[in-house]
């Protein structure tokens, strides 16, 4: 079993700042460090799990990532009886995850989605809070109909799913408040 963070406090703080920056400025790619992920997870996805998931945050785990379950359980203690977070190797059906309520939108799920690249691939135009002007994000590893899937999620605002995209040791985020269209 691979270890968690090399320096648990400093690396978790650094990763938290990267996630916060990514959520605050959607589509801006951030780097993380300090973790060697177990297969099939990439380093960024493992770092986000170590930073945001613990014994009080239920985690849904993609069956394709089952080999990482012992590592996740050991390092986070996360229960698997709900879905405050979802760790996925391919985009799950967002309709099956909690989207919160109008009164309590914070009870929705955050999906940590592993993709192939955050620098190459199809281009998406992002617009909304945190962006002075529309921004372009290239992602390899999203389904072909991602823009329409995300539009349905975005229409639920203030409810909806937040998405953290991870590739290698990089991450970016798409909060539910951001609109996405194909470039």
C-alpha atoms as a PDB file:
ATOM      1  CA  UNK A   1       0.000   0.000   0.000  1.00  0.00           C
ATOM      2  CA  UNK A   2       1.354   3.395  -0.953  1.00  0.00           C
ATOM      3  CA  UNK A   3       1.603   6.035   1.777  1.00  0.00           C
ATOM      4  CA  UNK A   4      -0.672   9.066   1.968  1.00  0.00           C
ATOM      5  CA  UNK A   5       0.852  12.533   1.820  1.00  0.00           C
ATOM      6  CA  UNK A   6       4.624  12.750   2.321  1.00  0.00           C
ATOM      7  CA  UNK A   7       4.050  15.709   4.691  1.00  0.00           C
ATOM      8  CA  UNK A   8       0.399  15.334   5.758  1.00  0.00           C
ATOM      9  CA  UNK A   9      -0.196  18.837   7.115  1.00  0.00           C
ATOM     10  CA  UNK A  10       1.671  20.879   4.502  1.00  0.00           C
ATOM     11  CA  UNK A  11       0.566  18.745   1.548  1.00  0.00           C
ATOM     12  CA  UNK A  12      -3.106  18.720   2.612  1.00  0.00           C
ATOM     13  CA  UNK A  13      -3.022  22.505   3.075  1.00  0.00           C
ATOM     14  CA  UNK A  14      -1.412  22.945  -0.334  1.00  0.00           C
ATOM     15  CA  UNK A  15      -3.991  20.689  -1.988  1.00  0.00           C
ATOM     16  CA  UNK A  16      -6.854  22.472  -0.213  1.00  0.00           C
ATOM     17  CA  UNK A  17      -5.577  25.811  -1.535  1.00  0.00           C
ATOM     18  CA  UNK A  18      -5.358  24.319  -5.049  1.00  0.00           C
ATOM     19  CA  UNK A  19      -8.966  23.066  -4.864  1.00  0.00           C
ATOM     20  CA  UNK A  20     -10.127  26.408  -3.433  1.00  0.00           C
ATOM     21  CA  UNK A  21      -8.344  28.290  -6.228  1.00  0.00           C
ATOM     22  CA  UNK A  22      -9.824  25.928  -8.838  1.00  0.00           C
ATOM     23  CA  UNK A  23     -13.359  26.375  -7.462  1.00  0.00           C
ATOM     24  CA  UNK A  24     -12.890  30.156  -7.245  1.00  0.00           C
ATOM     25  CA  UNK A  25     -11.496  30.439 -10.767  1.00  0.00           C
ATOM     26  CA  UNK A  26     -13.189  27.682 -12.776  1.00  0.00           C
ATOM     27  CA  UNK A  27     -11.094  26.069 -15.466  1.00  0.00           C
ATOM     28  CA  UNK A  28      -7.769  27.337 -14.140  1.00  0.00           C
ATOM     29  CA  UNK A  29      -5.493  24.301 -13.866  1.00  0.00           C
ATOM     30  CA  UNK A  30      -3.707  23.785 -10.537  1.00  0.00           C
ATOM     31  CA  UNK A  31      -0.893  21.399  -9.566  1.00  0.00           C
ATOM     32  CA  UNK A  32      -0.720  19.245  -6.449  1.00  0.00           C
ATOM     33  CA  UNK A  33       2.169  17.371  -4.884  1.00  0.00           C
ATOM     34  CA  UNK A  34       3.172  15.064  -2.106  1.00  0.00           C
ATOM     35  CA  UNK A  35       1.252  11.880  -2.836  1.00  0.00           C
ATOM     36  CA  UNK A  36       1.846   8.692  -4.779  1.00  0.00           C
ATOM     37  CA  UNK A  37      -1.549   7.380  -5.781  1.00  0.00           C
ATOM     38  CA  UNK A  38      -2.541   3.723  -5.813  1.00  0.00           C
ATOM     39  CA  UNK A  39      -3.705   2.317  -9.145  1.00  0.00           C
ATOM     40  CA  UNK A  40      -5.995   3.223 -10.813  1.00  0.00           C
ATOM     41  CA  UNK A  41      -6.093   6.714  -9.277  1.00  0.00           C
ATOM     42  CA  UNK A  42      -3.963   9.602 -10.501  1.00  0.00           C
ATOM     43  CA  UNK A  43      -1.970  11.643  -7.993  1.00  0.00           C
ATOM     44  CA  UNK A  44      -4.334  14.634  -8.097  1.00  0.00           C
ATOM     45  CA  UNK A  45      -7.434  12.507  -7.429  1.00  0.00           C
ATOM     46  CA  UNK A  46      -5.700  10.779  -4.515  1.00  0.00           C
ATOM     47  CA  UNK A  47      -4.595  14.141  -3.099  1.00  0.00           C
ATOM     48  CA  UNK A  48      -8.138  15.534  -3.306  1.00  0.00           C
ATOM     49  CA  UNK A  49      -9.491  12.450  -1.528  1.00  0.00           C
ATOM     50  CA  UNK A  50      -6.896  12.760   1.242  1.00  0.00           C
ATOM     51  CA  UNK A  51      -7.707  16.451   1.618  1.00  0.00           C
ATOM     52  CA  UNK A  52     -11.512  16.516   1.478  1.00  0.00           C
ATOM     53  CA  UNK A  53     -12.716  13.063   2.531  1.00  0.00           C
ATOM     54  CA  UNK A  54     -12.666  11.685   6.062  1.00  0.00           C
ATOM     55  CA  UNK A  55     -14.634   9.427   8.404  1.00  0.00           C
ATOM     56  CA  UNK A  56     -17.585  11.854   8.346  1.00  0.00           C
ATOM     57  CA  UNK A  57     -17.883  12.303   4.578  1.00  0.00           C
ATOM     58  CA  UNK A  58     -19.592   9.458   2.716  1.00  0.00           C
ATOM     59  CA  UNK A  59     -17.860   8.484  -0.518  1.00  0.00           C
ATOM     60  CA  UNK A  60     -19.302   6.745  -3.565  1.00  0.00           C
ATOM     61  CA  UNK A  61     -16.541   4.864  -5.370  1.00  0.00           C
ATOM     62  CA  UNK A  62     -16.742   4.013  -9.066  1.00  0.00           C
ATOM     63  CA  UNK A  63     -16.587   0.201  -9.429  1.00  0.00           C
ATOM     64  CA  UNK A  64     -13.717   0.735 -11.907  1.00  0.00           C
ATOM     65  CA  UNK A  65     -11.695   2.247  -9.024  1.00  0.00           C
ATOM     66  CA  UNK A  66     -12.400  -0.634  -6.634  1.00  0.00           C
ATOM     67  CA  UNK A  67      -8.703  -1.570  -6.431  1.00  0.00           C
ATOM     68  CA  UNK A  68      -8.095   1.713  -4.579  1.00  0.00           C
ATOM     69  CA  UNK A  69     -10.778   1.047  -1.929  1.00  0.00           C
ATOM     70  CA  UNK A  70      -8.385  -0.394   0.719  1.00  0.00           C
ATOM     71  CA  UNK A  71      -6.043   2.608   0.329  1.00  0.00           C
ATOM     72  CA  UNK A  72      -8.940   5.075   0.557  1.00  0.00           C
ATOM     73  CA  UNK A  73     -10.420   3.281   3.574  1.00  0.00           C
ATOM     74  CA  UNK A  74      -7.065   3.174   5.377  1.00  0.00           C
ATOM     75  CA  UNK A  75      -6.149   6.808   4.771  1.00  0.00           C
ATOM     76  CA  UNK A  76      -9.589   8.447   5.065  1.00  0.00           C
ATOM     77  CA  UNK A  77     -11.917   6.081   6.916  1.00  0.00           C
ATOM     78  CA  UNK A  78     -14.712   7.332   4.647  1.00  0.00           C
ATOM     79  CA  UNK A  79     -18.014   5.470   4.914  1.00  0.00           C
ATOM     80  CA  UNK A  80     -19.492   4.168   1.674  1.00  0.00           C
ATOM     81  CA  UNK A  81     -23.158   4.548   2.618  1.00  0.00           C
ATOM     82  CA  UNK A  82     -23.843   7.793   0.777  1.00  0.00           C
ATOM     83  CA  UNK A  83     -22.317  10.274  -1.582  1.00  0.00           C
ATOM     84  CA  UNK A  84     -21.086  13.584  -0.228  1.00  0.00           C
ATOM     85  CA  UNK A  85     -18.228  12.875  -2.621  1.00  0.00           C
ATOM     86  CA  UNK A  86     -17.991  10.552  -5.599  1.00  0.00           C
ATOM     87  CA  UNK A  87     -14.674   9.283  -6.980  1.00  0.00           C
ATOM     88  CA  UNK A  88     -15.146   8.343 -10.621  1.00  0.00           C
ATOM     89  CA  UNK A  89     -12.969   7.187 -13.495  1.00  0.00           C
ATOM     90  CA  UNK A  90     -15.756   8.045 -15.942  1.00  0.00           C
ATOM     91  CA  UNK A  91     -18.585  10.512 -15.497  1.00  0.00           C
ATOM     92  CA  UNK A  92     -21.366   8.890 -13.455  1.00  0.00           C
ATOM     93  CA  UNK A  93     -25.033   9.561 -14.113  1.00  0.00           C
ATOM     94  CA  UNK A  94     -25.418  12.872 -12.269  1.00  0.00           C
ATOM     95  CA  UNK A  95     -29.135  12.176 -11.779  1.00  0.00           C
ATOM     96  CA  UNK A  96     -28.219   9.387  -9.332  1.00  0.00           C
ATOM     97  CA  UNK A  97     -26.245  11.699  -7.015  1.00  0.00           C
ATOM     98  CA  UNK A  98     -27.553  14.100  -4.362  1.00  0.00           C
ATOM     99  CA  UNK A  99     -28.152  17.595  -5.771  1.00  0.00           C
ATOM    100  CA  UNK A 100     -29.149  19.252  -2.503  1.00  0.00           C
ATOM    101  CA  UNK A 101     -32.306  21.282  -2.030  1.00  0.00           C
ATOM    102  CA  UNK A 102     -33.123  24.934  -2.619  1.00  0.00           C
ATOM    103  CA  UNK A 103     -32.916  25.439   1.148  1.00  0.00           C
ATOM    104  CA  UNK A 104     -29.766  23.307   1.612  1.00  0.00           C
ATOM    105  CA  UNK A 105     -27.772  23.235  -1.644  1.00  0.00           C
ATOM    106  CA  UNK A 106     -24.624  22.331   0.313  1.00  0.00           C
ATOM    107  CA  UNK A 107     -25.974  18.796   0.767  1.00  0.00           C
ATOM    108  CA  UNK A 108     -25.204  17.999  -2.875  1.00  0.00           C
ATOM    109  CA  UNK A 109     -22.384  15.735  -4.008  1.00  0.00           C
ATOM    110  CA  UNK A 110     -19.004  16.762  -5.353  1.00  0.00           C
ATOM    111  CA  UNK A 111     -17.670  14.475  -8.077  1.00  0.00           C
ATOM    112  CA  UNK A 112     -13.915  13.939  -8.272  1.00  0.00           C
ATOM    113  CA  UNK A 113     -13.540  12.850 -11.889  1.00  0.00           C
ATOM    114  CA  UNK A 114     -10.330  11.447 -13.269  1.00  0.00           C
ATOM    115  CA  UNK A 115      -9.697  12.429 -16.892  1.00  0.00           C
ATOM    116  CA  UNK A 116      -6.772  11.902 -19.260  1.00  0.00           C
ATOM    117  CA  UNK A 117      -5.654  15.503 -19.772  1.00  0.00           C
ATOM    118  CA  UNK A 118      -6.510  19.059 -18.751  1.00  0.00           C
ATOM    119  CA  UNK A 119      -4.384  20.630 -21.485  1.00  0.00           C
ATOM    120  CA  UNK A 120      -5.386  18.794 -24.666  1.00  0.00           C
ATOM    121  CA  UNK A 121      -8.594  17.537 -26.188  1.00  0.00           C
ATOM    122  CA  UNK A 122     -11.961  19.073 -26.966  1.00  0.00           C
ATOM    123  CA  UNK A 123     -12.367  22.710 -25.974  1.00  0.00           C
ATOM    124  CA  UNK A 124     -15.118  23.940 -23.674  1.00  0.00           C
ATOM    125  CA  UNK A 125     -16.111  27.550 -23.039  1.00  0.00           C
ATOM    126  CA  UNK A 126     -16.757  28.307 -19.362  1.00  0.00           C
ATOM    127  CA  UNK A 127     -18.691  31.333 -18.133  1.00  0.00           C
ATOM    128  CA  UNK A 128     -20.029  32.443 -14.789  1.00  0.00           C
ATOM    129  CA  UNK A 129     -18.899  33.435 -11.300  1.00  0.00           C
ATOM    130  CA  UNK A 130     -15.130  33.614 -10.859  1.00  0.00           C
ATOM    131  CA  UNK A 131     -14.541  34.423 -14.529  1.00  0.00           C
ATOM    132  CA  UNK A 132     -14.122  38.015 -15.738  1.00  0.00           C
ATOM    133  CA  UNK A 133     -14.698  36.795 -19.267  1.00  0.00           C
ATOM    134  CA  UNK A 134     -15.435  33.392 -20.776  1.00  0.00           C
ATOM    135  CA  UNK A 135     -12.512  30.976 -20.467  1.00  0.00           C
ATOM    136  CA  UNK A 136     -11.481  28.000 -22.571  1.00  0.00           C
ATOM    137  CA  UNK A 137     -10.685  24.632 -21.018  1.00  0.00           C
ATOM    138  CA  UNK A 138      -9.356  21.659 -22.992  1.00  0.00           C
ATOM    139  CA  UNK A 139     -10.194  18.251 -21.521  1.00  0.00           C
ATOM    140  CA  UNK A 140      -9.523  14.745 -22.784  1.00  0.00           C
ATOM    141  CA  UNK A 141     -11.674  12.118 -21.115  1.00  0.00           C
ATOM    142  CA  UNK A 142     -15.156  13.628 -20.873  1.00  0.00           C
ATOM    143  CA  UNK A 143     -18.133  12.043 -22.647  1.00  0.00           C
ATOM    144  CA  UNK A 144     -19.011  13.499 -26.047  1.00  0.00           C
ATOM    145  CA  UNK A 145     -22.280  14.936 -24.709  1.00  0.00           C
ATOM    146  CA  UNK A 146     -20.675  16.523 -21.639  1.00  0.00           C
ATOM    147  CA  UNK A 147     -21.785  20.073 -22.484  1.00  0.00           C
ATOM    148  CA  UNK A 148     -25.461  19.047 -22.554  1.00  0.00           C
ATOM    149  CA  UNK A 149     -25.068  16.952 -19.384  1.00  0.00           C
ATOM    150  CA  UNK A 150     -23.509  19.932 -17.630  1.00  0.00           C
ATOM    151  CA  UNK A 151     -26.179  22.318 -18.916  1.00  0.00           C
ATOM    152  CA  UNK A 152     -28.864  20.182 -17.234  1.00  0.00           C
ATOM    153  CA  UNK A 153     -26.844  20.246 -13.996  1.00  0.00           C
ATOM    154  CA  UNK A 154     -26.233  24.015 -14.245  1.00  0.00           C
ATOM    155  CA  UNK A 155     -29.982  24.624 -14.728  1.00  0.00           C
ATOM    156  CA  UNK A 156     -30.614  23.206 -11.232  1.00  0.00           C
ATOM    157  CA  UNK A 157     -28.688  26.060  -9.560  1.00  0.00           C
ATOM    158  CA  UNK A 158     -28.525  26.660  -6.571  1.00  0.00           C
ATOM    159  CA  UNK A 159     -28.838  22.890  -6.436  1.00  0.00           C
ATOM    160  CA  UNK A 160     -26.551  20.674  -8.497  1.00  0.00           C
ATOM    161  CA  UNK A 161     -23.269  18.798  -8.588  1.00  0.00           C
ATOM    162  CA  UNK A 162     -19.814  20.367  -8.340  1.00  0.00           C
ATOM    163  CA  UNK A 163     -17.043  18.714 -10.361  1.00  0.00           C
ATOM    164  CA  UNK A 164     -13.310  18.462  -9.686  1.00  0.00           C
ATOM    165  CA  UNK A 165     -11.427  17.224 -12.755  1.00  0.00           C
ATOM    166  CA  UNK A 166      -8.101  15.470 -12.096  1.00  0.00           C
ATOM    167  CA  UNK A 167      -5.381  14.394 -14.539  1.00  0.00           C
ATOM    168  CA  UNK A 168      -1.904  13.306 -13.458  1.00  0.00           C
ATOM    169  CA  UNK A 169      -0.870  15.793 -10.768  1.00  0.00           C
ATOM    170  CA  UNK A 170      -3.197  18.564 -11.985  1.00  0.00           C
ATOM    171  CA  UNK A 171      -6.772  19.523 -11.222  1.00  0.00           C
ATOM    172  CA  UNK A 172      -9.392  22.091 -12.064  1.00  0.00           C
ATOM    173  CA  UNK A 173     -12.997  22.563 -11.021  1.00  0.00           C
ATOM    174  CA  UNK A 174     -16.413  23.239 -12.460  1.00  0.00           C
ATOM    175  CA  UNK A 175     -18.756  24.555  -9.780  1.00  0.00           C
ATOM    176  CA  UNK A 176     -22.464  24.100 -10.523  1.00  0.00           C
ATOM    177  CA  UNK A 177     -22.763  27.886 -11.023  1.00  0.00           C
ATOM    178  CA  UNK A 178     -20.588  27.793 -14.166  1.00  0.00           C
ATOM    179  CA  UNK A 179     -22.063  27.275 -17.612  1.00  0.00           C
ATOM    180  CA  UNK A 180     -20.208  25.078 -20.099  1.00  0.00           C
ATOM    181  CA  UNK A 181     -20.604  24.918 -23.867  1.00  0.00           C
ATOM    182  CA  UNK A 182     -18.570  23.336 -26.630  1.00  0.00           C
ATOM    183  CA  UNK A 183     -16.113  25.689 -28.323  1.00  0.00           C
END
